[in-house]
């Protein structure tokens, strides 16, 4: 996971621990599944608002 961003790594670790898929993360954070995929694959840079939404969901899930 050396080439992953910190947020991408956090999402992947969270999904493993909670046995969740990208669609669960998307639903909980109110982002699109495509955006979650893009953030994890680092093909897009998330906005501050998207980062906050993802971290808030992972903290409270």
PDB file of N, CA and C in Angstrom:
ATOM      1  N   UNK A   1       0.820  -1.200   0.000  1.00  0.00           N
ATOM      2  CA  UNK A   1       0.000   0.000   0.000  1.00  0.00           C
ATOM      3  C   UNK A   1       0.861   1.259   0.000  1.00  0.00           C
ATOM      4  N   UNK A   2       2.108   1.142  -0.336  1.00  0.00           N
ATOM      5  CA  UNK A   2       3.015   2.278  -0.298  1.00  0.00           C
ATOM      6  C   UNK A   2       2.602   3.414  -1.220  1.00  0.00           C
ATOM      7  N   UNK A   3       1.958   3.090  -2.337  1.00  0.00           N
ATOM      8  CA  UNK A   3       1.616   4.113  -3.317  1.00  0.00           C
ATOM      9  C   UNK A   3       0.240   4.726  -3.087  1.00  0.00           C
ATOM     10  N   UNK A   4      -0.458   4.315  -2.057  1.00  0.00           N
ATOM     11  CA  UNK A   4      -1.788   4.833  -1.797  1.00  0.00           C
ATOM     12  C   UNK A   4      -1.737   6.105  -0.964  1.00  0.00           C
ATOM     13  N   UNK A   5      -2.708   6.962  -1.200  1.00  0.00           N
ATOM     14  CA  UNK A   5      -2.829   8.148  -0.358  1.00  0.00           C
ATOM     15  C   UNK A   5      -3.312   7.713   1.021  1.00  0.00           C
ATOM     16  N   UNK A   6      -3.125   8.562   1.985  1.00  0.00           N
ATOM     17  CA  UNK A   6      -3.563   8.257   3.355  1.00  0.00           C
ATOM     18  C   UNK A   6      -5.064   7.996   3.404  1.00  0.00           C
ATOM     19  N   UNK A   7      -5.849   8.814   2.723  1.00  0.00           N
ATOM     20  CA  UNK A   7      -7.294   8.628   2.732  1.00  0.00           C
ATOM     21  C   UNK A   7      -7.682   7.315   2.056  1.00  0.00           C
ATOM     22  N   UNK A   8      -7.077   7.006   0.924  1.00  0.00           N
ATOM     23  CA  UNK A   8      -7.374   5.748   0.234  1.00  0.00           C
ATOM     24  C   UNK A   8      -7.066   4.564   1.146  1.00  0.00           C
ATOM     25  N   UNK A   9      -5.956   4.631   1.820  1.00  0.00           N
ATOM     26  CA  UNK A   9      -5.567   3.564   2.742  1.00  0.00           C
ATOM     27  C   UNK A   9      -6.561   3.454   3.896  1.00  0.00           C
ATOM     28  N   UNK A  10      -7.002   4.592   4.428  1.00  0.00           N
ATOM     29  CA  UNK A  10      -7.991   4.590   5.509  1.00  0.00           C
ATOM     30  C   UNK A  10      -9.297   3.938   5.055  1.00  0.00           C
ATOM     31  N   UNK A  11      -9.741   4.260   3.859  1.00  0.00           N
ATOM     32  CA  UNK A  11     -10.986   3.686   3.338  1.00  0.00           C
ATOM     33  C   UNK A  11     -10.851   2.173   3.186  1.00  0.00           C
ATOM     34  N   UNK A  12      -9.756   1.738   2.591  1.00  0.00           N
ATOM     35  CA  UNK A  12      -9.538   0.305   2.376  1.00  0.00           C
ATOM     36  C   UNK A  12      -9.473  -0.436   3.705  1.00  0.00           C
ATOM     37  N   UNK A  13      -8.743   0.088   4.660  1.00  0.00           N
ATOM     38  CA  UNK A  13      -8.658  -0.545   5.986  1.00  0.00           C
ATOM     39  C   UNK A  13     -10.025  -0.589   6.658  1.00  0.00           C
ATOM     40  N   UNK A  14     -10.782   0.499   6.554  1.00  0.00           N
ATOM     41  CA  UNK A  14     -12.106   0.557   7.146  1.00  0.00           C
ATOM     42  C   UNK A  14     -13.024  -0.494   6.519  1.00  0.00           C
ATOM     43  N   UNK A  15     -12.989  -0.605   5.199  1.00  0.00           N
ATOM     44  CA  UNK A  15     -13.823  -1.587   4.501  1.00  0.00           C
ATOM     45  C   UNK A  15     -13.481  -3.011   4.945  1.00  0.00           C
ATOM     46  N   UNK A  16     -12.213  -3.285   5.126  1.00  0.00           N
ATOM     47  CA  UNK A  16     -11.801  -4.627   5.577  1.00  0.00           C
ATOM     48  C   UNK A  16     -12.302  -4.904   6.988  1.00  0.00           C
ATOM     49  N   UNK A  17     -12.118  -3.935   7.884  1.00  0.00           N
ATOM     50  CA  UNK A  17     -12.514  -4.118   9.284  1.00  0.00           C
ATOM     51  C   UNK A  17     -14.018  -4.267   9.442  1.00  0.00           C
ATOM     52  N   UNK A  18     -14.770  -3.490   8.677  1.00  0.00           N
ATOM     53  CA  UNK A  18     -16.225  -3.464   8.820  1.00  0.00           C
ATOM     54  C   UNK A  18     -16.945  -4.372   7.820  1.00  0.00           C
ATOM     55  N   UNK A  19     -16.171  -5.037   6.952  1.00  0.00           N
ATOM     56  CA  UNK A  19     -16.745  -5.904   5.914  1.00  0.00           C
ATOM     57  C   UNK A  19     -17.739  -5.129   5.053  1.00  0.00           C
ATOM     58  N   UNK A  20     -17.324  -3.976   4.597  1.00  0.00           N
ATOM     59  CA  UNK A  20     -18.154  -3.113   3.768  1.00  0.00           C
ATOM     60  C   UNK A  20     -17.570  -3.019   2.364  1.00  0.00           C
ATOM     61  N   UNK A  21     -18.427  -2.663   1.437  1.00  0.00           N
ATOM     62  CA  UNK A  21     -18.021  -2.442   0.051  1.00  0.00           C
ATOM     63  C   UNK A  21     -18.104  -0.944  -0.253  1.00  0.00           C
ATOM     64  N   UNK A  22     -17.615  -0.583  -1.429  1.00  0.00           N
ATOM     65  CA  UNK A  22     -17.626   0.827  -1.829  1.00  0.00           C
ATOM     66  C   UNK A  22     -19.031   1.412  -1.811  1.00  0.00           C
ATOM     67  N   UNK A  23     -20.031   0.593  -2.204  1.00  0.00           N
ATOM     68  CA  UNK A  23     -21.400   1.130  -2.221  1.00  0.00           C
ATOM     69  C   UNK A  23     -21.887   1.452  -0.808  1.00  0.00           C
ATOM     70  N   UNK A  24     -21.432   0.697   0.196  1.00  0.00           N
ATOM     71  CA  UNK A  24     -21.790   1.013   1.585  1.00  0.00           C
ATOM     72  C   UNK A  24     -21.157   2.330   2.020  1.00  0.00           C
ATOM     73  N   UNK A  25     -19.906   2.523   1.640  1.00  0.00           N
ATOM     74  CA  UNK A  25     -19.198   3.765   1.973  1.00  0.00           C
ATOM     75  C   UNK A  25     -19.871   4.943   1.272  1.00  0.00           C
ATOM     76  N   UNK A  26     -20.209   4.746   0.011  1.00  0.00           N
ATOM     77  CA  UNK A  26     -20.851   5.813  -0.759  1.00  0.00           C
ATOM     78  C   UNK A  26     -22.194   6.196  -0.138  1.00  0.00           C
ATOM     79  N   UNK A  27     -22.997   5.202   0.195  1.00  0.00           N
ATOM     80  CA  UNK A  27     -24.304   5.471   0.781  1.00  0.00           C
ATOM     81  C   UNK A  27     -24.164   6.213   2.115  1.00  0.00           C
ATOM     82  N   UNK A  28     -23.256   5.741   2.952  1.00  0.00           N
ATOM     83  CA  UNK A  28     -23.086   6.338   4.270  1.00  0.00           C
ATOM     84  C   UNK A  28     -22.507   7.741   4.240  1.00  0.00           C
ATOM     85  N   UNK A  29     -21.664   8.008   3.268  1.00  0.00           N
ATOM     86  CA  UNK A  29     -21.026   9.323   3.187  1.00  0.00           C
ATOM     87  C   UNK A  29     -21.747  10.260   2.224  1.00  0.00           C
ATOM     88  N   UNK A  30     -22.747   9.743   1.529  1.00  0.00           N
ATOM     89  CA  UNK A  30     -23.530  10.488   0.544  1.00  0.00           C
ATOM     90  C   UNK A  30     -22.687  10.975  -0.634  1.00  0.00           C
ATOM     91  N   UNK A  31     -21.655  10.185  -0.969  1.00  0.00           N
ATOM     92  CA  UNK A  31     -20.882  10.415  -2.186  1.00  0.00           C
ATOM     93  C   UNK A  31     -21.301   9.361  -3.200  1.00  0.00           C
ATOM     94  N   UNK A  32     -20.967   9.566  -4.452  1.00  0.00           N
ATOM     95  CA  UNK A  32     -21.276   8.554  -5.452  1.00  0.00           C
ATOM     96  C   UNK A  32     -20.282   7.399  -5.333  1.00  0.00           C
ATOM     97  N   UNK A  33     -20.725   6.218  -5.744  1.00  0.00           N
ATOM     98  CA  UNK A  33     -19.838   5.058  -5.749  1.00  0.00           C
ATOM     99  C   UNK A  33     -18.631   5.340  -6.640  1.00  0.00           C
ATOM    100  N   UNK A  34     -18.880   6.003  -7.755  1.00  0.00           N
ATOM    101  CA  UNK A  34     -17.791   6.330  -8.682  1.00  0.00           C
ATOM    102  C   UNK A  34     -16.749   7.211  -8.006  1.00  0.00           C
ATOM    103  N   UNK A  35     -17.197   8.171  -7.207  1.00  0.00           N
ATOM    104  CA  UNK A  35     -16.258   9.063  -6.524  1.00  0.00           C
ATOM    105  C   UNK A  35     -15.439   8.293  -5.490  1.00  0.00           C
ATOM    106  N   UNK A  36     -16.076   7.375  -4.774  1.00  0.00           N
ATOM    107  CA  UNK A  36     -15.348   6.550  -3.806  1.00  0.00           C
ATOM    108  C   UNK A  36     -14.286   5.724  -4.535  1.00  0.00           C
ATOM    109  N   UNK A  37     -14.674   5.108  -5.661  1.00  0.00           N
ATOM    110  CA  UNK A  37     -13.700   4.346  -6.468  1.00  0.00           C
ATOM    111  C   UNK A  37     -12.541   5.241  -6.891  1.00  0.00           C
ATOM    112  N   UNK A  38     -12.867   6.428  -7.379  1.00  0.00           N
ATOM    113  CA  UNK A  38     -11.832   7.347  -7.864  1.00  0.00           C
ATOM    114  C   UNK A  38     -10.888   7.802  -6.755  1.00  0.00           C
ATOM    115  N   UNK A  39     -11.429   8.027  -5.579  1.00  0.00           N
ATOM    116  CA  UNK A  39     -10.599   8.427  -4.443  1.00  0.00           C
ATOM    117  C   UNK A  39      -9.668   7.274  -4.058  1.00  0.00           C
ATOM    118  N   UNK A  40     -10.212   6.054  -4.014  1.00  0.00           N
ATOM    119  CA  UNK A  40      -9.395   4.895  -3.655  1.00  0.00           C
ATOM    120  C   UNK A  40      -8.313   4.612  -4.693  1.00  0.00           C
ATOM    121  N   UNK A  41      -8.634   4.817  -5.963  1.00  0.00           N
ATOM    122  CA  UNK A  41      -7.651   4.552  -7.022  1.00  0.00           C
ATOM    123  C   UNK A  41      -6.762   5.769  -7.286  1.00  0.00           C
ATOM    124  N   UNK A  42      -7.058   6.857  -6.589  1.00  0.00           N
ATOM    125  CA  UNK A  42      -6.295   8.101  -6.678  1.00  0.00           C
ATOM    126  C   UNK A  42      -6.321   8.699  -8.085  1.00  0.00           C
ATOM    127  N   UNK A  43      -7.444   8.522  -8.789  1.00  0.00           N
ATOM    128  CA  UNK A  43      -7.595   9.157 -10.101  1.00  0.00           C
ATOM    129  C   UNK A  43      -8.220  10.536  -9.976  1.00  0.00           C
ATOM    130  N   UNK A  44      -8.644  10.871  -8.763  1.00  0.00           N
ATOM    131  CA  UNK A  44      -9.179  12.202  -8.496  1.00  0.00           C
ATOM    132  C   UNK A  44      -8.733  12.626  -7.105  1.00  0.00           C
ATOM    133  N   UNK A  45      -8.664  13.911  -6.907  1.00  0.00           N
ATOM    134  CA  UNK A  45      -8.345  14.455  -5.595  1.00  0.00           C
ATOM    135  C   UNK A  45      -9.657  14.888  -4.944  1.00  0.00           C
ATOM    136  N   UNK A  46      -9.984  14.325  -3.786  1.00  0.00           N
ATOM    137  CA  UNK A  46     -11.243  14.687  -3.147  1.00  0.00           C
ATOM    138  C   UNK A  46     -11.215  16.116  -2.613  1.00  0.00           C
ATOM    139  N   UNK A  47     -12.383  16.731  -2.620  1.00  0.00           N
ATOM    140  CA  UNK A  47     -12.497  18.065  -2.029  1.00  0.00           C
ATOM    141  C   UNK A  47     -12.440  17.931  -0.509  1.00  0.00           C
ATOM    142  N   UNK A  48     -12.227  19.039   0.159  1.00  0.00           N
ATOM    143  CA  UNK A  48     -12.224  19.026   1.626  1.00  0.00           C
ATOM    144  C   UNK A  48     -13.552  18.523   2.167  1.00  0.00           C
ATOM    145  N   UNK A  49     -14.633  18.907   1.513  1.00  0.00           N
ATOM    146  CA  UNK A  49     -15.969  18.477   1.929  1.00  0.00           C
ATOM    147  C   UNK A  49     -16.121  16.958   1.790  1.00  0.00           C
ATOM    148  N   UNK A  50     -15.594  16.386   0.717  1.00  0.00           N
ATOM    149  CA  UNK A  50     -15.669  14.935   0.518  1.00  0.00           C
ATOM    150  C   UNK A  50     -14.837  14.196   1.560  1.00  0.00           C
ATOM    151  N   UNK A  51     -13.662  14.728   1.852  1.00  0.00           N
ATOM    152  CA  UNK A  51     -12.809  14.121   2.881  1.00  0.00           C
ATOM    153  C   UNK A  51     -13.526  14.140   4.223  1.00  0.00           C
ATOM    154  N   UNK A  52     -14.134  15.263   4.560  1.00  0.00           N
ATOM    155  CA  UNK A  52     -14.862  15.377   5.830  1.00  0.00           C
ATOM    156  C   UNK A  52     -16.029  14.393   5.884  1.00  0.00           C
ATOM    157  N   UNK A  53     -16.770  14.260   4.784  1.00  0.00           N
ATOM    158  CA  UNK A  53     -17.907  13.347   4.744  1.00  0.00           C
ATOM    159  C   UNK A  53     -17.455  11.905   4.934  1.00  0.00           C
ATOM    160  N   UNK A  54     -16.380  11.523   4.273  1.00  0.00           N
ATOM    161  CA  UNK A  54     -15.863  10.155   4.410  1.00  0.00           C
ATOM    162  C   UNK A  54     -15.361   9.894   5.820  1.00  0.00           C
ATOM    163  N   UNK A  55     -14.593  10.797   6.357  1.00  0.00           N
ATOM    164  CA  UNK A  55     -14.043  10.598   7.711  1.00  0.00           C
ATOM    165  C   UNK A  55     -15.151  10.612   8.763  1.00  0.00           C
ATOM    166  N   UNK A  56     -16.140  11.466   8.584  1.00  0.00           N
ATOM    167  CA  UNK A  56     -17.275  11.509   9.519  1.00  0.00           C
ATOM    168  C   UNK A  56     -18.016  10.170   9.502  1.00  0.00           C
ATOM    169  N   UNK A  57     -18.263   9.644   8.302  1.00  0.00           N
ATOM    170  CA  UNK A  57     -18.952   8.356   8.203  1.00  0.00           C
ATOM    171  C   UNK A  57     -18.128   7.248   8.852  1.00  0.00           C
ATOM    172  N   UNK A  58     -16.832   7.203   8.549  1.00  0.00           N
ATOM    173  CA  UNK A  58     -15.996   6.130   9.096  1.00  0.00           C
ATOM    174  C   UNK A  58     -15.878   6.235  10.617  1.00  0.00           C
ATOM    175  N   UNK A  59     -15.898   7.435  11.134  1.00  0.00           N
ATOM    176  CA  UNK A  59     -15.821   7.630  12.584  1.00  0.00           C
ATOM    177  C   UNK A  59     -17.099   7.154  13.276  1.00  0.00           C
ATOM    178  N   UNK A  60     -18.241   7.370  12.637  1.00  0.00           N
ATOM    179  CA  UNK A  60     -19.528   7.085  13.278  1.00  0.00           C
ATOM    180  C   UNK A  60     -20.137   5.746  12.899  1.00  0.00           C
ATOM    181  N   UNK A  61     -19.545   5.037  11.966  1.00  0.00           N
ATOM    182  CA  UNK A  61     -20.130   3.757  11.510  1.00  0.00           C
ATOM    183  C   UNK A  61     -19.797   2.637  12.468  1.00  0.00           C
TER     184      UNK A  61
END
